[in-house]
């Protein structure tokens, strides 16, 4: 289970739900359902973190709820 904020929304253009993890640049996934998108992005986030560790890149500390203006 990841501890990063996930933003989920419907994309009419893609005809799919999109899930993004803003704290992990480029980390996003889609799915035919809300649940599928969430499951997919969790897997992608775990892979993102694994690759970042392998490459010696900095891992962002989960900030919890982000505030946008």
PDB file of N, CA and C in Angstrom:
ATOM      1  N   UNK A   1       0.839  -1.188   0.000  1.00  0.00           N
ATOM      2  CA  UNK A   1       0.000   0.000   0.000  1.00  0.00           C
ATOM      3  C   UNK A   1       0.877   1.242   0.000  1.00  0.00           C
ATOM      4  N   UNK A   2       0.555   2.153  -0.882  1.00  0.00           N
ATOM      5  CA  UNK A   2       1.314   3.402  -0.932  1.00  0.00           C
ATOM      6  C   UNK A   2       0.681   4.430  -0.001  1.00  0.00           C
ATOM      7  N   UNK A   3       1.481   5.385   0.452  1.00  0.00           N
ATOM      8  CA  UNK A   3       0.993   6.407   1.380  1.00  0.00           C
ATOM      9  C   UNK A   3       0.990   7.789   0.745  1.00  0.00           C
ATOM     10  N   UNK A   4       1.018   7.827  -0.570  1.00  0.00           N
ATOM     11  CA  UNK A   4       1.000   9.088  -1.292  1.00  0.00           C
ATOM     12  C   UNK A   4      -0.425   9.426  -1.705  1.00  0.00           C
ATOM     13  N   UNK A   5      -0.685  10.716  -1.841  1.00  0.00           N
ATOM     14  CA  UNK A   5      -1.994  11.163  -2.309  1.00  0.00           C
ATOM     15  C   UNK A   5      -2.207  10.676  -3.738  1.00  0.00           C
ATOM     16  N   UNK A   6      -3.428  10.215  -4.023  1.00  0.00           N
ATOM     17  CA  UNK A   6      -3.818   9.796  -5.367  1.00  0.00           C
ATOM     18  C   UNK A   6      -5.002  10.655  -5.794  1.00  0.00           C
ATOM     19  N   UNK A   7      -4.915  11.199  -6.996  1.00  0.00           N
ATOM     20  CA  UNK A   7      -6.022  11.967  -7.561  1.00  0.00           C
ATOM     21  C   UNK A   7      -6.657  11.110  -8.648  1.00  0.00           C
ATOM     22  N   UNK A   8      -7.965  10.880  -8.520  1.00  0.00           N
ATOM     23  CA  UNK A   8      -8.709  10.062  -9.479  1.00  0.00           C
ATOM     24  C   UNK A   8      -9.767  10.905 -10.165  1.00  0.00           C
ATOM     25  N   UNK A   9      -9.871  10.768 -11.478  1.00  0.00           N
ATOM     26  CA  UNK A   9     -10.892  11.515 -12.204  1.00  0.00           C
ATOM     27  C   UNK A   9     -11.250  10.782 -13.494  1.00  0.00           C
ATOM     28  N   UNK A  10     -12.414  11.106 -14.032  1.00  0.00           N
ATOM     29  CA  UNK A  10     -12.869  10.551 -15.295  1.00  0.00           C
ATOM     30  C   UNK A  10     -12.329  11.410 -16.429  1.00  0.00           C
ATOM     31  N   UNK A  11     -11.784  10.777 -17.460  1.00  0.00           N
ATOM     32  CA  UNK A  11     -11.313  11.475 -18.649  1.00  0.00           C
ATOM     33  C   UNK A  11     -12.214  11.084 -19.819  1.00  0.00           C
ATOM     34  N   UNK A  12     -13.039  12.026 -20.269  1.00  0.00           N
ATOM     35  CA  UNK A  12     -13.903  11.766 -21.416  1.00  0.00           C
ATOM     36  C   UNK A  12     -13.063  11.516 -22.665  1.00  0.00           C
ATOM     37  N   UNK A  13     -11.963  12.229 -22.782  1.00  0.00           N
ATOM     38  CA  UNK A  13     -11.078  12.076 -23.934  1.00  0.00           C
ATOM     39  C   UNK A  13     -10.532  10.652 -24.027  1.00  0.00           C
ATOM     40  N   UNK A  14     -10.121  10.093 -22.885  1.00  0.00           N
ATOM     41  CA  UNK A  14      -9.551   8.742 -22.848  1.00  0.00           C
ATOM     42  C   UNK A  14     -10.618   7.665 -22.630  1.00  0.00           C
ATOM     43  N   UNK A  15     -11.813   8.103 -22.251  1.00  0.00           N
ATOM     44  CA  UNK A  15     -12.902   7.182 -21.900  1.00  0.00           C
ATOM     45  C   UNK A  15     -12.441   6.180 -20.842  1.00  0.00           C
ATOM     46  N   UNK A  16     -11.796   6.726 -19.810  1.00  0.00           N
ATOM     47  CA  UNK A  16     -11.268   5.909 -18.722  1.00  0.00           C
ATOM     48  C   UNK A  16     -11.089   6.770 -17.487  1.00  0.00           C
ATOM     49  N   UNK A  17     -11.002   6.105 -16.340  1.00  0.00           N
ATOM     50  CA  UNK A  17     -10.640   6.793 -15.113  1.00  0.00           C
ATOM     51  C   UNK A  17      -9.122   6.923 -15.098  1.00  0.00           C
ATOM     52  N   UNK A  18      -8.638   8.083 -14.680  1.00  0.00           N
ATOM     53  CA  UNK A  18      -7.204   8.352 -14.591  1.00  0.00           C
ATOM     54  C   UNK A  18      -6.848   8.527 -13.115  1.00  0.00           C
ATOM     55  N   UNK A  19      -5.763   7.900 -12.697  1.00  0.00           N
ATOM     56  CA  UNK A  19      -5.262   8.032 -11.329  1.00  0.00           C
ATOM     57  C   UNK A  19      -3.834   8.570 -11.403  1.00  0.00           C
ATOM     58  N   UNK A  20      -3.577   9.634 -10.671  1.00  0.00           N
ATOM     59  CA  UNK A  20      -2.254  10.263 -10.653  1.00  0.00           C
ATOM     60  C   UNK A  20      -1.723  10.325  -9.229  1.00  0.00           C
ATOM     61  N   UNK A  21      -0.402  10.204  -9.101  1.00  0.00           N
ATOM     62  CA  UNK A  21       0.281  10.378  -7.814  1.00  0.00           C
ATOM     63  C   UNK A  21       1.164  11.616  -7.981  1.00  0.00           C
ATOM     64  N   UNK A  22       0.656  12.793  -7.585  1.00  0.00           N
ATOM     65  CA  UNK A  22       1.371  14.049  -7.851  1.00  0.00           C
ATOM     66  C   UNK A  22       2.792  14.124  -7.286  1.00  0.00           C
ATOM     67  N   UNK A  23       3.044  13.441  -6.181  1.00  0.00           N
ATOM     68  CA  UNK A  23       4.361  13.523  -5.548  1.00  0.00           C
ATOM     69  C   UNK A  23       5.415  12.665  -6.253  1.00  0.00           C
ATOM     70  N   UNK A  24       4.969  11.786  -7.164  1.00  0.00           N
ATOM     71  CA  UNK A  24       5.887  10.938  -7.913  1.00  0.00           C
ATOM     72  C   UNK A  24       5.764  11.336  -9.387  1.00  0.00           C
ATOM     73  N   UNK A  25       6.640  12.187  -9.876  1.00  0.00           N
ATOM     74  CA  UNK A  25       6.518  12.724 -11.231  1.00  0.00           C
ATOM     75  C   UNK A  25       6.311  11.642 -12.295  1.00  0.00           C
ATOM     76  N   UNK A  26       5.264  11.840 -13.101  1.00  0.00           N
ATOM     77  CA  UNK A  26       4.973  10.923 -14.186  1.00  0.00           C
ATOM     78  C   UNK A  26       4.246   9.662 -13.775  1.00  0.00           C
ATOM     79  N   UNK A  27       3.940   9.529 -12.491  1.00  0.00           N
ATOM     80  CA  UNK A  27       3.290   8.321 -11.989  1.00  0.00           C
ATOM     81  C   UNK A  27       1.780   8.436 -12.155  1.00  0.00           C
ATOM     82  N   UNK A  28       1.261   7.700 -13.136  1.00  0.00           N
ATOM     83  CA  UNK A  28      -0.174   7.706 -13.368  1.00  0.00           C
ATOM     84  C   UNK A  28      -0.585   6.415 -14.054  1.00  0.00           C
ATOM     85  N   UNK A  29      -1.871   6.097 -13.961  1.00  0.00           N
ATOM     86  CA  UNK A  29      -2.410   4.899 -14.590  1.00  0.00           C
ATOM     87  C   UNK A  29      -3.868   5.163 -14.924  1.00  0.00           C
ATOM     88  N   UNK A  30      -4.430   4.259 -15.688  1.00  0.00           N
ATOM     89  CA  UNK A  30      -5.846   4.393 -16.011  1.00  0.00           C
ATOM     90  C   UNK A  30      -6.558   3.073 -15.752  1.00  0.00           C
ATOM     91  N   UNK A  31      -7.874   3.107 -15.921  1.00  0.00           N
ATOM     92  CA  UNK A  31      -8.672   1.904 -15.751  1.00  0.00           C
ATOM     93  C   UNK A  31     -10.089   2.135 -16.229  1.00  0.00           C
ATOM     94  N   UNK A  32     -10.768   1.067 -16.554  1.00  0.00           N
ATOM     95  CA  UNK A  32     -12.151   1.161 -17.012  1.00  0.00           C
ATOM     96  C   UNK A  32     -13.089   1.559 -15.882  1.00  0.00           C
ATOM     97  N   UNK A  33     -12.672   1.250 -14.644  1.00  0.00           N
ATOM     98  CA  UNK A  33     -13.465   1.619 -13.470  1.00  0.00           C
ATOM     99  C   UNK A  33     -12.591   2.399 -12.494  1.00  0.00           C
ATOM    100  N   UNK A  34     -13.254   3.060 -11.562  1.00  0.00           N
ATOM    101  CA  UNK A  34     -12.564   3.806 -10.511  1.00  0.00           C
ATOM    102  C   UNK A  34     -11.607   2.875  -9.763  1.00  0.00           C
ATOM    103  N   UNK A  35     -12.117   1.715  -9.361  1.00  0.00           N
ATOM    104  CA  UNK A  35     -11.326   0.751  -8.599  1.00  0.00           C
ATOM    105  C   UNK A  35     -10.141   0.238  -9.413  1.00  0.00           C
ATOM    106  N   UNK A  36     -10.368  -0.065 -10.687  1.00  0.00           N
ATOM    107  CA  UNK A  36      -9.294  -0.568 -11.540  1.00  0.00           C
ATOM    108  C   UNK A  36      -8.176   0.462 -11.670  1.00  0.00           C
ATOM    109  N   UNK A  37      -8.529   1.723 -11.845  1.00  0.00           N
ATOM    110  CA  UNK A  37      -7.516   2.780 -11.948  1.00  0.00           C
ATOM    111  C   UNK A  37      -6.713   2.879 -10.656  1.00  0.00           C
ATOM    112  N   UNK A  38      -7.384   2.753  -9.520  1.00  0.00           N
ATOM    113  CA  UNK A  38      -6.704   2.829  -8.228  1.00  0.00           C
ATOM    114  C   UNK A  38      -5.745   1.653  -8.036  1.00  0.00           C
ATOM    115  N   UNK A  39      -6.185   0.458  -8.366  1.00  0.00           N
ATOM    116  CA  UNK A  39      -5.326  -0.727  -8.261  1.00  0.00           C
ATOM    117  C   UNK A  39      -4.116  -0.579  -9.188  1.00  0.00           C
ATOM    118  N   UNK A  40      -4.368  -0.122 -10.414  1.00  0.00           N
ATOM    119  CA  UNK A  40      -3.281   0.036 -11.390  1.00  0.00           C
ATOM    120  C   UNK A  40      -2.258   1.069 -10.947  1.00  0.00           C
ATOM    121  N   UNK A  41      -2.721   2.203 -10.406  1.00  0.00           N
ATOM    122  CA  UNK A  41      -1.761   3.236 -10.012  1.00  0.00           C
ATOM    123  C   UNK A  41      -0.967   2.811  -8.785  1.00  0.00           C
ATOM    124  N   UNK A  42      -1.548   2.004  -7.935  1.00  0.00           N
ATOM    125  CA  UNK A  42      -0.781   1.518  -6.782  1.00  0.00           C
ATOM    126  C   UNK A  42       0.383   0.650  -7.266  1.00  0.00           C
ATOM    127  N   UNK A  43       0.133  -0.209  -8.236  1.00  0.00           N
ATOM    128  CA  UNK A  43       1.200  -1.050  -8.793  1.00  0.00           C
ATOM    129  C   UNK A  43       2.265  -0.201  -9.474  1.00  0.00           C
ATOM    130  N   UNK A  44       1.838   0.779 -10.249  1.00  0.00           N
ATOM    131  CA  UNK A  44       2.784   1.662 -10.942  1.00  0.00           C
ATOM    132  C   UNK A  44       3.621   2.447  -9.927  1.00  0.00           C
ATOM    133  N   UNK A  45       2.991   2.910  -8.848  1.00  0.00           N
ATOM    134  CA  UNK A  45       3.723   3.660  -7.819  1.00  0.00           C
ATOM    135  C   UNK A  45       4.777   2.779  -7.155  1.00  0.00           C
ATOM    136  N   UNK A  46       4.437   1.532  -6.873  1.00  0.00           N
ATOM    137  CA  UNK A  46       5.421   0.622  -6.283  1.00  0.00           C
ATOM    138  C   UNK A  46       6.591   0.400  -7.237  1.00  0.00           C
ATOM    139  N   UNK A  47       6.308   0.282  -8.528  1.00  0.00           N
ATOM    140  CA  UNK A  47       7.371   0.130  -9.523  1.00  0.00           C
ATOM    141  C   UNK A  47       8.205   1.409  -9.623  1.00  0.00           C
ATOM    142  N   UNK A  48       7.540   2.569  -9.566  1.00  0.00           N
ATOM    143  CA  UNK A  48       8.232   3.855  -9.601  1.00  0.00           C
ATOM    144  C   UNK A  48       9.242   3.916  -8.462  1.00  0.00           C
ATOM    145  N   UNK A  49       8.788   3.559  -7.253  1.00  0.00           N
ATOM    146  CA  UNK A  49       9.654   3.605  -6.072  1.00  0.00           C
ATOM    147  C   UNK A  49      10.812   2.612  -6.183  1.00  0.00           C
ATOM    148  N   UNK A  50      10.535   1.419  -6.679  1.00  0.00           N
ATOM    149  CA  UNK A  50      11.572   0.402  -6.842  1.00  0.00           C
ATOM    150  C   UNK A  50      12.659   0.869  -7.816  1.00  0.00           C
ATOM    151  N   UNK A  51      12.237   1.418  -8.937  1.00  0.00           N
ATOM    152  CA  UNK A  51      13.204   1.892  -9.931  1.00  0.00           C
ATOM    153  C   UNK A  51      14.007   3.072  -9.391  1.00  0.00           C
ATOM    154  N   UNK A  52      13.336   3.977  -8.682  1.00  0.00           N
ATOM    155  CA  UNK A  52      14.044   5.119  -8.095  1.00  0.00           C
ATOM    156  C   UNK A  52      15.123   4.639  -7.119  1.00  0.00           C
ATOM    157  N   UNK A  53      14.797   3.626  -6.313  1.00  0.00           N
ATOM    158  CA  UNK A  53      15.792   3.083  -5.373  1.00  0.00           C
ATOM    159  C   UNK A  53      16.976   2.477  -6.129  1.00  0.00           C
ATOM    160  N   UNK A  54      16.656   1.691  -7.173  1.00  0.00           N
ATOM    161  CA  UNK A  54      17.707   1.052  -7.962  1.00  0.00           C
ATOM    162  C   UNK A  54      18.639   2.081  -8.593  1.00  0.00           C
ATOM    163  N   UNK A  55      18.097   3.217  -9.001  1.00  0.00           N
ATOM    164  CA  UNK A  55      18.890   4.256  -9.653  1.00  0.00           C
ATOM    165  C   UNK A  55      19.524   5.230  -8.662  1.00  0.00           C
ATOM    166  N   UNK A  56      19.239   5.031  -7.373  1.00  0.00           N
ATOM    167  CA  UNK A  56      19.804   5.899  -6.350  1.00  0.00           C
ATOM    168  C   UNK A  56      19.171   7.279  -6.305  1.00  0.00           C
ATOM    169  N   UNK A  57      17.953   7.389  -6.813  1.00  0.00           N
ATOM    170  CA  UNK A  57      17.266   8.683  -6.819  1.00  0.00           C
ATOM    171  C   UNK A  57      16.566   8.921  -5.484  1.00  0.00           C
ATOM    172  N   UNK A  58      16.356  10.184  -5.202  1.00  0.00           N
ATOM    173  CA  UNK A  58      15.688  10.575  -3.965  1.00  0.00           C
ATOM    174  C   UNK A  58      14.221  10.127  -3.997  1.00  0.00           C
ATOM    175  N   UNK A  59      13.775   9.559  -2.894  1.00  0.00           N
ATOM    176  CA  UNK A  59      12.385   9.130  -2.754  1.00  0.00           C
ATOM    177  C   UNK A  59      11.651  10.207  -1.958  1.00  0.00           C
ATOM    178  N   UNK A  60      10.616  10.821  -2.537  1.00  0.00           N
ATOM    179  CA  UNK A  60       9.869  11.840  -1.794  1.00  0.00           C
ATOM    180  C   UNK A  60       9.186  11.249  -0.562  1.00  0.00           C
ATOM    181  N   UNK A  61       9.190  12.002   0.517  1.00  0.00           N
ATOM    182  CA  UNK A  61       8.477  11.596   1.722  1.00  0.00           C
ATOM    183  C   UNK A  61       7.005  11.923   1.499  1.00  0.00           C
ATOM    184  N   UNK A  62       6.088  10.956   1.740  1.00  0.00           N
ATOM    185  CA  UNK A  62       4.666  11.247   1.552  1.00  0.00           C
ATOM    186  C   UNK A  62       4.240  12.428   2.416  1.00  0.00           C
ATOM    187  N   UNK A  63       3.585  13.396   1.807  1.00  0.00           N
ATOM    188  CA  UNK A  63       3.162  14.603   2.527  1.00  0.00           C
ATOM    189  C   UNK A  63       1.732  14.532   3.005  1.00  0.00           C
ATOM    190  N   UNK A  64       1.011  13.505   2.605  1.00  0.00           N
ATOM    191  CA  UNK A  64      -0.407  13.455   2.985  1.00  0.00           C
ATOM    192  C   UNK A  64      -1.214  14.338   2.053  1.00  0.00           C
ATOM    193  N   UNK A  65      -2.226  14.949   2.576  1.00  0.00           N
ATOM    194  CA  UNK A  65      -3.114  15.779   1.764  1.00  0.00           C
ATOM    195  C   UNK A  65      -2.375  17.002   1.255  1.00  0.00           C
ATOM    196  N   UNK A  66      -2.396  17.155  -0.076  1.00  0.00           N
ATOM    197  CA  UNK A  66      -1.791  18.324  -0.690  1.00  0.00           C
ATOM    198  C   UNK A  66      -2.830  19.414  -0.847  1.00  0.00           C
ATOM    199  N   UNK A  67      -2.394  20.650  -0.810  1.00  0.00           N
ATOM    200  CA  UNK A  67      -3.312  21.787  -0.952  1.00  0.00           C
ATOM    201  C   UNK A  67      -2.979  22.499  -2.246  1.00  0.00           C
ATOM    202  N   UNK A  68      -3.999  22.697  -3.064  1.00  0.00           N
ATOM    203  CA  UNK A  68      -3.815  23.398  -4.331  1.00  0.00           C
ATOM    204  C   UNK A  68      -4.626  24.684  -4.314  1.00  0.00           C
ATOM    205  N   UNK A  69      -4.095  25.702  -4.969  1.00  0.00           N
ATOM    206  CA  UNK A  69      -4.818  26.980  -5.057  1.00  0.00           C
ATOM    207  C   UNK A  69      -5.609  27.030  -6.326  1.00  0.00           C
TER     208      UNK A  69
END
